[in-house]
Amino acid sequence: MKWQLVVGLAVALAGAVGSAVAQSPARVAPLDARPGQNAVYELRFVAQDTLTPSAIIELVLPRPLDVSGVQLASSRALDGGFAVNVVADTVRLQRSGLGRAVPPGTPVDLLFAAVRNPKSWASVEQATVRIFADAEAQPQVFMLPVTMDTTSQGR
């Protein structure tokens, strides 16, 4: 009888976690996926730790994307502005220190531009995202698919 209770609780918990993940998926995608064009890209994720006003977000984007033109970033959740730095395939966005801290569990949207879309997109590509809660923190690292499908973004 105890094992049935444990199994039932595990199934219910898995369903709740799956439902929460489905409601706010992490993703990297262009707002305009026209081949060969410059586009604004959006990163969505849920903060796992408090993001201080000096938090850093690094995105290592796959080779078909040209990030050499990225100069701007903004966010509805992360106020205060960003310093933008691009080296090779990595976009580093550091909060200016002027915004408020963002608590864990907060959905974050981050827009950055201008990324040149590839002329063709043959397969699913992966981006590496590193989120440093502050300048001295160890990063939270995760891999995200880069999708060129803009129809599911609710725009």
N, C-alpha and C. Protein backbone atom coordinates (compact mmCIF):
# COMPACT_ATOMS: atom_id res chain seq x y z
N MET A 1 0.81 -1.18 0.00
CA MET A 1 0.00 0.00 0.00
C MET A 1 0.86 1.27 0.00
N LYS A 2 1.99 1.26 0.77
CA LYS A 2 2.86 2.43 0.82
C LYS A 2 3.46 2.73 -0.56
N TRP A 3 3.87 1.69 -1.26
CA TRP A 3 4.51 1.91 -2.56
C TRP A 3 3.52 2.54 -3.53
N GLN A 4 2.22 2.25 -3.42
CA GLN A 4 1.22 2.85 -4.30
C GLN A 4 1.11 4.35 -4.01
N LEU A 5 1.18 4.73 -2.75
CA LEU A 5 1.13 6.13 -2.37
C LEU A 5 2.36 6.87 -2.90
N VAL A 6 3.53 6.24 -2.76
CA VAL A 6 4.78 6.85 -3.25
C VAL A 6 4.73 7.00 -4.76
N VAL A 7 4.28 5.97 -5.47
CA VAL A 7 4.19 6.04 -6.93
C VAL A 7 3.18 7.12 -7.34
N GLY A 8 2.04 7.17 -6.67
CA GLY A 8 1.03 8.18 -6.99
C GLY A 8 1.55 9.59 -6.78
N LEU A 9 2.27 9.82 -5.68
CA LEU A 9 2.85 11.12 -5.39
C LEU A 9 3.91 11.48 -6.44
N ALA A 10 4.74 10.53 -6.82
CA ALA A 10 5.78 10.77 -7.84
C ALA A 10 5.16 11.15 -9.18
N VAL A 11 4.09 10.45 -9.57
CA VAL A 11 3.42 10.76 -10.83
C VAL A 11 2.80 12.15 -10.78
N ALA A 12 2.17 12.50 -9.67
CA ALA A 12 1.56 13.83 -9.53
C ALA A 12 2.62 14.93 -9.58
N LEU A 13 3.74 14.71 -8.90
CA LEU A 13 4.83 15.69 -8.89
C LEU A 13 5.42 15.84 -10.28
N ALA A 14 5.64 14.74 -10.97
CA ALA A 14 6.18 14.80 -12.33
C ALA A 14 5.23 15.56 -13.25
N GLY A 15 3.95 15.37 -13.08
CA GLY A 15 2.97 16.10 -13.88
C GLY A 15 3.01 17.59 -13.61
N ALA A 16 3.14 17.97 -12.35
CA ALA A 16 3.19 19.39 -11.98
C ALA A 16 4.45 20.04 -12.53
N VAL A 17 5.59 19.35 -12.41
CA VAL A 17 6.84 19.89 -12.95
C VAL A 17 6.76 20.00 -14.46
N GLY A 18 6.27 18.97 -15.12
CA GLY A 18 6.13 19.00 -16.57
C GLY A 18 5.22 20.12 -17.03
N SER A 19 4.13 20.35 -16.29
CA SER A 19 3.21 21.42 -16.62
C SER A 19 3.87 22.78 -16.48
N ALA A 20 4.65 22.98 -15.42
CA ALA A 20 5.34 24.27 -15.22
C ALA A 20 6.35 24.51 -16.32
N VAL A 21 7.09 23.45 -16.71
CA VAL A 21 8.08 23.60 -17.78
C VAL A 21 7.39 23.91 -19.10
N ALA A 22 6.27 23.27 -19.37
CA ALA A 22 5.56 23.49 -20.62
C ALA A 22 5.02 24.91 -20.72
N GLN A 23 4.68 25.54 -19.59
CA GLN A 23 4.12 26.87 -19.61
C GLN A 23 5.16 27.95 -19.87
N SER A 24 6.41 27.73 -19.52
CA SER A 24 7.43 28.75 -19.72
C SER A 24 8.71 28.11 -20.24
N PRO A 25 8.70 27.67 -21.50
CA PRO A 25 9.87 26.97 -22.03
C PRO A 25 11.04 27.93 -22.26
N ALA A 26 12.21 27.43 -21.97
CA ALA A 26 13.42 28.19 -22.30
C ALA A 26 13.67 28.02 -23.79
N ARG A 27 14.07 29.10 -24.45
CA ARG A 27 14.32 29.02 -25.89
C ARG A 27 15.13 30.21 -26.37
N VAL A 28 15.74 30.02 -27.52
CA VAL A 28 16.41 31.09 -28.25
C VAL A 28 15.81 31.07 -29.65
N ALA A 29 15.31 32.21 -30.11
CA ALA A 29 14.67 32.25 -31.43
C ALA A 29 14.68 33.67 -31.98
N PRO A 30 14.68 33.80 -33.32
CA PRO A 30 14.58 35.12 -33.93
C PRO A 30 13.13 35.60 -33.93
N LEU A 31 12.94 36.91 -33.88
CA LEU A 31 11.61 37.46 -34.04
C LEU A 31 11.23 37.49 -35.51
N ASP A 32 12.23 37.48 -36.39
CA ASP A 32 12.02 37.43 -37.84
C ASP A 32 13.03 36.43 -38.39
N ALA A 33 12.56 35.32 -38.94
CA ALA A 33 13.45 34.24 -39.37
C ALA A 33 13.77 34.25 -40.86
N ARG A 34 13.59 35.38 -41.53
CA ARG A 34 13.90 35.42 -42.96
C ARG A 34 15.37 35.10 -43.19
N PRO A 35 15.65 34.17 -44.10
CA PRO A 35 17.04 33.76 -44.36
C PRO A 35 17.92 34.93 -44.80
N GLY A 36 19.13 34.99 -44.23
CA GLY A 36 20.12 35.98 -44.61
C GLY A 36 19.87 37.38 -44.10
N GLN A 37 18.83 37.60 -43.32
CA GLN A 37 18.48 38.93 -42.83
C GLN A 37 18.96 39.14 -41.39
N ASN A 38 19.19 40.41 -41.04
CA ASN A 38 19.47 40.74 -39.65
C ASN A 38 18.18 40.64 -38.86
N ALA A 39 18.28 40.15 -37.62
CA ALA A 39 17.08 39.96 -36.82
C ALA A 39 17.37 40.22 -35.35
N VAL A 40 16.29 40.53 -34.64
CA VAL A 40 16.32 40.58 -33.18
C VAL A 40 16.07 39.15 -32.72
N TYR A 41 16.87 38.69 -31.78
CA TYR A 41 16.70 37.35 -31.21
C TYR A 41 16.20 37.48 -29.78
N GLU A 42 15.44 36.48 -29.36
CA GLU A 42 14.90 36.47 -28.01
C GLU A 42 15.40 35.23 -27.27
N LEU A 43 15.87 35.45 -26.04
CA LEU A 43 16.20 34.38 -25.12
C LEU A 43 15.14 34.42 -24.03
N ARG A 44 14.51 33.27 -23.77
CA ARG A 44 13.55 33.14 -22.67
C ARG A 44 14.05 32.06 -21.72
N PHE A 45 13.94 32.33 -20.42
CA PHE A 45 14.27 31.33 -19.41
C PHE A 45 13.63 31.76 -18.10
N VAL A 46 13.66 30.87 -17.13
CA VAL A 46 13.18 31.18 -15.80
C VAL A 46 14.40 31.24 -14.89
N ALA A 47 14.57 32.35 -14.18
CA ALA A 47 15.72 32.53 -13.30
C ALA A 47 15.73 31.45 -12.22
N GLN A 48 16.85 30.75 -12.09
CA GLN A 48 17.00 29.72 -11.06
C GLN A 48 17.53 30.31 -9.76
N ASP A 49 18.29 31.38 -9.86
CA ASP A 49 18.86 32.09 -8.71
C ASP A 49 18.48 33.56 -8.82
N THR A 50 18.68 34.31 -7.75
CA THR A 50 18.47 35.75 -7.82
C THR A 50 19.48 36.33 -8.81
N LEU A 51 19.00 37.09 -9.76
CA LEU A 51 19.88 37.77 -10.72
C LEU A 51 20.13 39.17 -10.20
N THR A 52 21.35 39.42 -9.77
CA THR A 52 21.70 40.72 -9.21
C THR A 52 21.78 41.77 -10.32
N PRO A 53 21.85 43.04 -9.96
CA PRO A 53 22.01 44.09 -10.97
C PRO A 53 23.30 43.98 -11.77
N SER A 54 24.25 43.12 -11.33
CA SER A 54 25.49 42.92 -12.09
C SER A 54 25.54 41.54 -12.75
N ALA A 55 24.40 40.87 -12.87
CA ALA A 55 24.35 39.53 -13.48
C ALA A 55 24.88 39.57 -14.91
N ILE A 56 25.40 38.43 -15.34
CA ILE A 56 25.96 38.29 -16.70
C ILE A 56 25.28 37.12 -17.39
N ILE A 57 24.91 37.33 -18.64
CA ILE A 57 24.34 36.25 -19.46
C ILE A 57 25.21 36.13 -20.70
N GLU A 58 25.71 34.93 -20.91
CA GLU A 58 26.53 34.64 -22.09
C GLU A 58 25.79 33.64 -22.96
N LEU A 59 25.75 33.92 -24.25
CA LEU A 59 25.14 33.02 -25.21
C LEU A 59 26.20 32.64 -26.24
N VAL A 60 26.45 31.35 -26.37
CA VAL A 60 27.33 30.85 -27.42
C VAL A 60 26.40 30.30 -28.49
N LEU A 61 26.33 31.02 -29.62
CA LEU A 61 25.37 30.66 -30.66
C LEU A 61 26.04 29.82 -31.74
N PRO A 62 25.27 28.95 -32.39
CA PRO A 62 25.85 28.05 -33.40
C PRO A 62 26.36 28.81 -34.61
N ARG A 63 27.34 28.22 -35.28
CA ARG A 63 28.02 28.83 -36.42
C ARG A 63 27.14 29.39 -37.53
N PRO A 64 26.03 28.80 -37.89
CA PRO A 64 25.28 29.40 -38.99
C PRO A 64 24.82 30.83 -38.68
N LEU A 65 24.79 31.22 -37.40
CA LEU A 65 24.36 32.56 -37.02
C LEU A 65 25.58 33.48 -36.93
N ASP A 66 25.44 34.69 -37.45
CA ASP A 66 26.51 35.67 -37.40
C ASP A 66 26.17 36.70 -36.32
N VAL A 67 26.89 36.66 -35.20
CA VAL A 67 26.61 37.56 -34.08
C VAL A 67 27.51 38.79 -34.07
N SER A 68 28.33 38.96 -35.10
CA SER A 68 29.30 40.06 -35.11
C SER A 68 28.63 41.44 -35.07
N GLY A 69 27.36 41.54 -35.45
CA GLY A 69 26.66 42.82 -35.44
C GLY A 69 25.85 43.10 -34.18
N VAL A 70 25.90 42.22 -33.19
CA VAL A 70 25.11 42.43 -31.98
C VAL A 70 25.69 43.60 -31.19
N GLN A 71 24.85 44.61 -30.96
CA GLN A 71 25.27 45.80 -30.21
C GLN A 71 24.25 46.25 -29.18
N LEU A 72 23.02 45.72 -29.25
CA LEU A 72 21.94 46.17 -28.39
C LEU A 72 21.29 45.02 -27.65
N ALA A 73 20.83 45.28 -26.43
CA ALA A 73 20.08 44.29 -25.67
C ALA A 73 19.08 45.01 -24.78
N SER A 74 17.94 44.35 -24.55
CA SER A 74 16.95 44.89 -23.63
C SER A 74 16.13 43.75 -23.05
N SER A 75 15.39 44.06 -21.99
CA SER A 75 14.58 43.06 -21.33
C SER A 75 13.48 43.75 -20.54
N ARG A 76 12.29 43.13 -20.51
CA ARG A 76 11.21 43.65 -19.67
C ARG A 76 11.46 43.26 -18.21
N ALA A 77 12.11 42.12 -17.98
CA ALA A 77 12.32 41.62 -16.62
C ALA A 77 13.60 42.16 -15.98
N LEU A 78 14.61 42.43 -16.79
CA LEU A 78 15.92 42.89 -16.29
C LEU A 78 16.08 44.36 -16.65
N ASP A 79 15.75 45.24 -15.73
CA ASP A 79 15.84 46.67 -16.01
C ASP A 79 17.25 47.19 -15.74
N GLY A 80 17.51 48.42 -16.18
CA GLY A 80 18.79 49.05 -15.87
C GLY A 80 19.79 49.08 -17.01
N GLY A 81 19.58 48.32 -18.05
CA GLY A 81 20.47 48.35 -19.20
C GLY A 81 21.55 47.28 -19.17
N PHE A 82 22.27 47.16 -20.28
CA PHE A 82 23.29 46.13 -20.47
C PHE A 82 24.52 46.69 -21.16
N ALA A 83 25.67 46.13 -20.81
CA ALA A 83 26.89 46.30 -21.60
C ALA A 83 26.95 45.08 -22.50
N VAL A 84 27.16 45.29 -23.80
CA VAL A 84 27.17 44.21 -24.78
C VAL A 84 28.59 44.02 -25.28
N ASN A 85 29.06 42.77 -25.27
CA ASN A 85 30.39 42.44 -25.77
C ASN A 85 30.28 41.17 -26.60
N VAL A 86 30.85 41.18 -27.80
CA VAL A 86 30.82 40.02 -28.68
C VAL A 86 32.24 39.59 -29.00
N VAL A 87 32.53 38.30 -28.78
CA VAL A 87 33.81 37.73 -29.15
C VAL A 87 33.53 36.42 -29.87
N ALA A 88 33.91 36.35 -31.14
CA ALA A 88 33.69 35.17 -31.98
C ALA A 88 32.20 34.82 -32.00
N ASP A 89 31.82 33.65 -31.47
CA ASP A 89 30.43 33.21 -31.49
C ASP A 89 29.71 33.43 -30.16
N THR A 90 30.31 34.23 -29.27
CA THR A 90 29.76 34.44 -27.93
C THR A 90 29.28 35.88 -27.76
N VAL A 91 28.03 36.01 -27.31
CA VAL A 91 27.46 37.31 -26.97
C VAL A 91 27.40 37.37 -25.46
N ARG A 92 28.06 38.38 -24.87
CA ARG A 92 28.08 38.55 -23.42
C ARG A 92 27.30 39.81 -23.08
N LEU A 93 26.28 39.62 -22.24
CA LEU A 93 25.42 40.72 -21.82
C LEU A 93 25.55 40.88 -20.32
N GLN A 94 26.11 42.00 -19.88
CA GLN A 94 26.27 42.24 -18.45
C GLN A 94 25.34 43.36 -18.04
N ARG A 95 24.54 43.07 -17.00
CA ARG A 95 23.66 44.10 -16.47
C ARG A 95 24.50 45.27 -15.97
N SER A 96 23.97 46.48 -16.11
CA SER A 96 24.72 47.70 -15.81
C SER A 96 24.96 47.95 -14.33
N GLY A 97 24.22 47.27 -13.46
CA GLY A 97 24.32 47.53 -12.03
C GLY A 97 23.27 48.51 -11.55
N LEU A 98 22.47 49.05 -12.46
CA LEU A 98 21.49 50.08 -12.11
C LEU A 98 20.09 49.54 -11.89
N GLY A 99 19.80 48.31 -12.29
CA GLY A 99 18.46 47.76 -12.16
C GLY A 99 18.24 47.09 -10.82
N ARG A 100 17.05 46.50 -10.67
CA ARG A 100 16.71 45.79 -9.45
C ARG A 100 17.09 44.32 -9.58
N ALA A 101 17.27 43.66 -8.45
CA ALA A 101 17.52 42.22 -8.44
C ALA A 101 16.24 41.50 -8.88
N VAL A 102 16.41 40.37 -9.55
CA VAL A 102 15.29 39.58 -10.03
C VAL A 102 15.29 38.26 -9.26
N PRO A 103 14.19 37.94 -8.56
CA PRO A 103 14.17 36.74 -7.72
C PRO A 103 14.07 35.44 -8.52
N PRO A 104 14.47 34.32 -7.90
CA PRO A 104 14.33 33.01 -8.55
C PRO A 104 12.87 32.76 -8.91
N GLY A 105 12.69 32.03 -10.01
CA GLY A 105 11.34 31.70 -10.46
C GLY A 105 10.73 32.74 -11.38
N THR A 106 11.43 33.85 -11.62
CA THR A 106 10.92 34.90 -12.48
C THR A 106 11.18 34.57 -13.94
N PRO A 107 10.14 34.60 -14.79
CA PRO A 107 10.37 34.43 -16.23
C PRO A 107 11.15 35.64 -16.75
N VAL A 108 12.16 35.36 -17.56
CA VAL A 108 13.01 36.41 -18.11
C VAL A 108 12.97 36.33 -19.63
N ASP A 109 12.77 37.47 -20.25
CA ASP A 109 12.88 37.60 -21.70
C ASP A 109 14.01 38.57 -21.98
N LEU A 110 14.85 38.24 -22.92
CA LEU A 110 16.00 39.08 -23.23
C LEU A 110 16.08 39.19 -24.74
N LEU A 111 16.05 40.42 -25.25
CA LEU A 111 16.15 40.65 -26.69
C LEU A 111 17.53 41.19 -26.99
N PHE A 112 18.13 40.69 -28.10
CA PHE A 112 19.43 41.21 -28.51
C PHE A 112 19.48 41.27 -30.03
N ALA A 113 20.22 42.29 -30.54
CA ALA A 113 20.25 42.52 -31.98
C ALA A 113 21.58 43.17 -32.35
N ALA A 114 21.99 43.00 -33.55
CA ALA A 114 21.36 42.34 -34.69
C ALA A 114 22.18 41.08 -35.02
N VAL A 115 21.47 39.97 -35.10
CA VAL A 115 22.06 38.68 -35.47
C VAL A 115 21.67 38.42 -36.92
N ARG A 116 22.64 38.04 -37.73
CA ARG A 116 22.32 37.71 -39.12
C ARG A 116 21.91 36.25 -39.19
N ASN A 117 20.67 36.04 -39.69
CA ASN A 117 20.16 34.68 -39.88
C ASN A 117 20.97 33.97 -40.96
N PRO A 118 21.10 32.65 -40.86
CA PRO A 118 21.77 31.90 -41.92
C PRO A 118 20.94 31.91 -43.20
N LYS A 119 21.61 31.73 -44.34
CA LYS A 119 20.88 31.67 -45.61
C LYS A 119 20.07 30.39 -45.73
N SER A 120 20.55 29.34 -45.06
CA SER A 120 19.76 28.11 -45.00
C SER A 120 19.97 27.50 -43.62
N TRP A 121 18.97 26.77 -43.17
CA TRP A 121 18.99 26.18 -41.83
C TRP A 121 18.63 24.73 -42.01
N ALA A 122 19.65 23.87 -42.03
CA ALA A 122 19.44 22.46 -42.38
C ALA A 122 19.00 21.59 -41.22
N SER A 123 19.35 21.95 -40.00
CA SER A 123 19.04 21.06 -38.88
C SER A 123 18.82 21.89 -37.61
N VAL A 124 18.43 21.21 -36.56
CA VAL A 124 18.27 21.87 -35.26
C VAL A 124 19.66 22.18 -34.73
N GLU A 125 19.87 23.39 -34.31
CA GLU A 125 21.15 23.81 -33.76
C GLU A 125 20.97 24.07 -32.26
N GLN A 126 22.09 24.05 -31.53
CA GLN A 126 22.05 24.26 -30.09
C GLN A 126 22.85 25.50 -29.71
N ALA A 127 22.33 26.24 -28.75
CA ALA A 127 23.05 27.36 -28.15
C ALA A 127 23.41 26.97 -26.72
N THR A 128 24.56 27.43 -26.28
CA THR A 128 24.95 27.26 -24.88
C THR A 128 24.67 28.58 -24.18
N VAL A 129 23.96 28.52 -23.06
CA VAL A 129 23.64 29.71 -22.30
C VAL A 129 24.27 29.56 -20.92
N ARG A 130 25.03 30.59 -20.51
CA ARG A 130 25.62 30.62 -19.18
C ARG A 130 25.07 31.84 -18.46
N ILE A 131 24.48 31.61 -17.30
CA ILE A 131 23.91 32.70 -16.53
C ILE A 131 24.66 32.80 -15.21
N PHE A 132 25.31 33.94 -15.01
CA PHE A 132 26.05 34.22 -13.77
C PHE A 132 25.16 35.14 -12.94
N ALA A 133 24.70 34.69 -11.79
CA ALA A 133 23.80 35.49 -10.95
C ALA A 133 24.44 36.82 -10.56
N ASP A 134 25.76 36.82 -10.39
CA ASP A 134 26.53 38.05 -10.17
C ASP A 134 27.93 37.80 -10.73
N ALA A 135 28.76 38.81 -10.68
CA ALA A 135 30.08 38.74 -11.31
C ALA A 135 30.98 37.65 -10.73
N GLU A 136 30.77 37.24 -9.47
CA GLU A 136 31.62 36.23 -8.84
C GLU A 136 30.98 34.84 -8.82
N ALA A 137 29.76 34.69 -9.24
CA ALA A 137 29.02 33.43 -9.12
C ALA A 137 29.47 32.40 -10.16
N GLN A 138 29.31 31.13 -9.80
CA GLN A 138 29.48 30.05 -10.77
C GLN A 138 28.27 30.09 -11.70
N PRO A 139 28.46 29.82 -12.99
CA PRO A 139 27.34 29.95 -13.91
C PRO A 139 26.37 28.78 -13.84
N GLN A 140 25.13 29.09 -14.14
CA GLN A 140 24.14 28.07 -14.45
C GLN A 140 24.30 27.88 -15.96
N VAL A 141 24.52 26.65 -16.41
CA VAL A 141 24.78 26.39 -17.82
C VAL A 141 23.70 25.46 -18.36
N PHE A 142 23.14 25.83 -19.50
CA PHE A 142 22.21 24.92 -20.15
C PHE A 142 22.28 25.07 -21.66
N MET A 143 21.84 24.02 -22.34
CA MET A 143 21.80 23.98 -23.80
C MET A 143 20.36 24.20 -24.23
N LEU A 144 20.18 25.03 -25.25
CA LEU A 144 18.85 25.30 -25.78
C LEU A 144 18.85 25.12 -27.28
N PRO A 145 17.77 24.56 -27.81
CA PRO A 145 17.66 24.54 -29.27
C PRO A 145 17.44 25.95 -29.78
N VAL A 146 18.04 26.26 -30.91
CA VAL A 146 17.77 27.53 -31.59
C VAL A 146 16.75 27.20 -32.66
N THR A 147 15.58 27.76 -32.51
CA THR A 147 14.51 27.46 -33.46
C THR A 147 14.28 28.63 -34.39
N MET A 148 14.06 28.34 -35.64
CA MET A 148 13.76 29.38 -36.61
C MET A 148 12.25 29.51 -36.81
N ASP A 149 11.46 28.81 -36.01
CA ASP A 149 10.00 28.85 -36.10
C ASP A 149 9.49 30.00 -35.25
N THR A 150 8.97 31.05 -35.90
CA THR A 150 8.47 32.20 -35.17
C THR A 150 6.95 32.12 -34.98
N THR A 151 6.31 31.09 -35.48
CA THR A 151 4.85 31.00 -35.39
C THR A 151 4.38 30.68 -33.98
N SER A 152 5.21 30.05 -33.14
CA SER A 152 4.77 29.65 -31.80
C SER A 152 5.17 30.65 -30.72
N GLN A 153 5.58 31.84 -31.09
CA GLN A 153 6.05 32.81 -30.09
C GLN A 153 4.95 33.74 -29.59
N GLY A 154 3.74 33.57 -30.09
CA GLY A 154 2.66 34.41 -29.60
C GLY A 154 2.74 35.83 -30.08
N ARG A 155 3.31 36.04 -31.23
CA ARG A 155 3.42 37.39 -31.78
C ARG A 155 2.46 37.58 -32.91
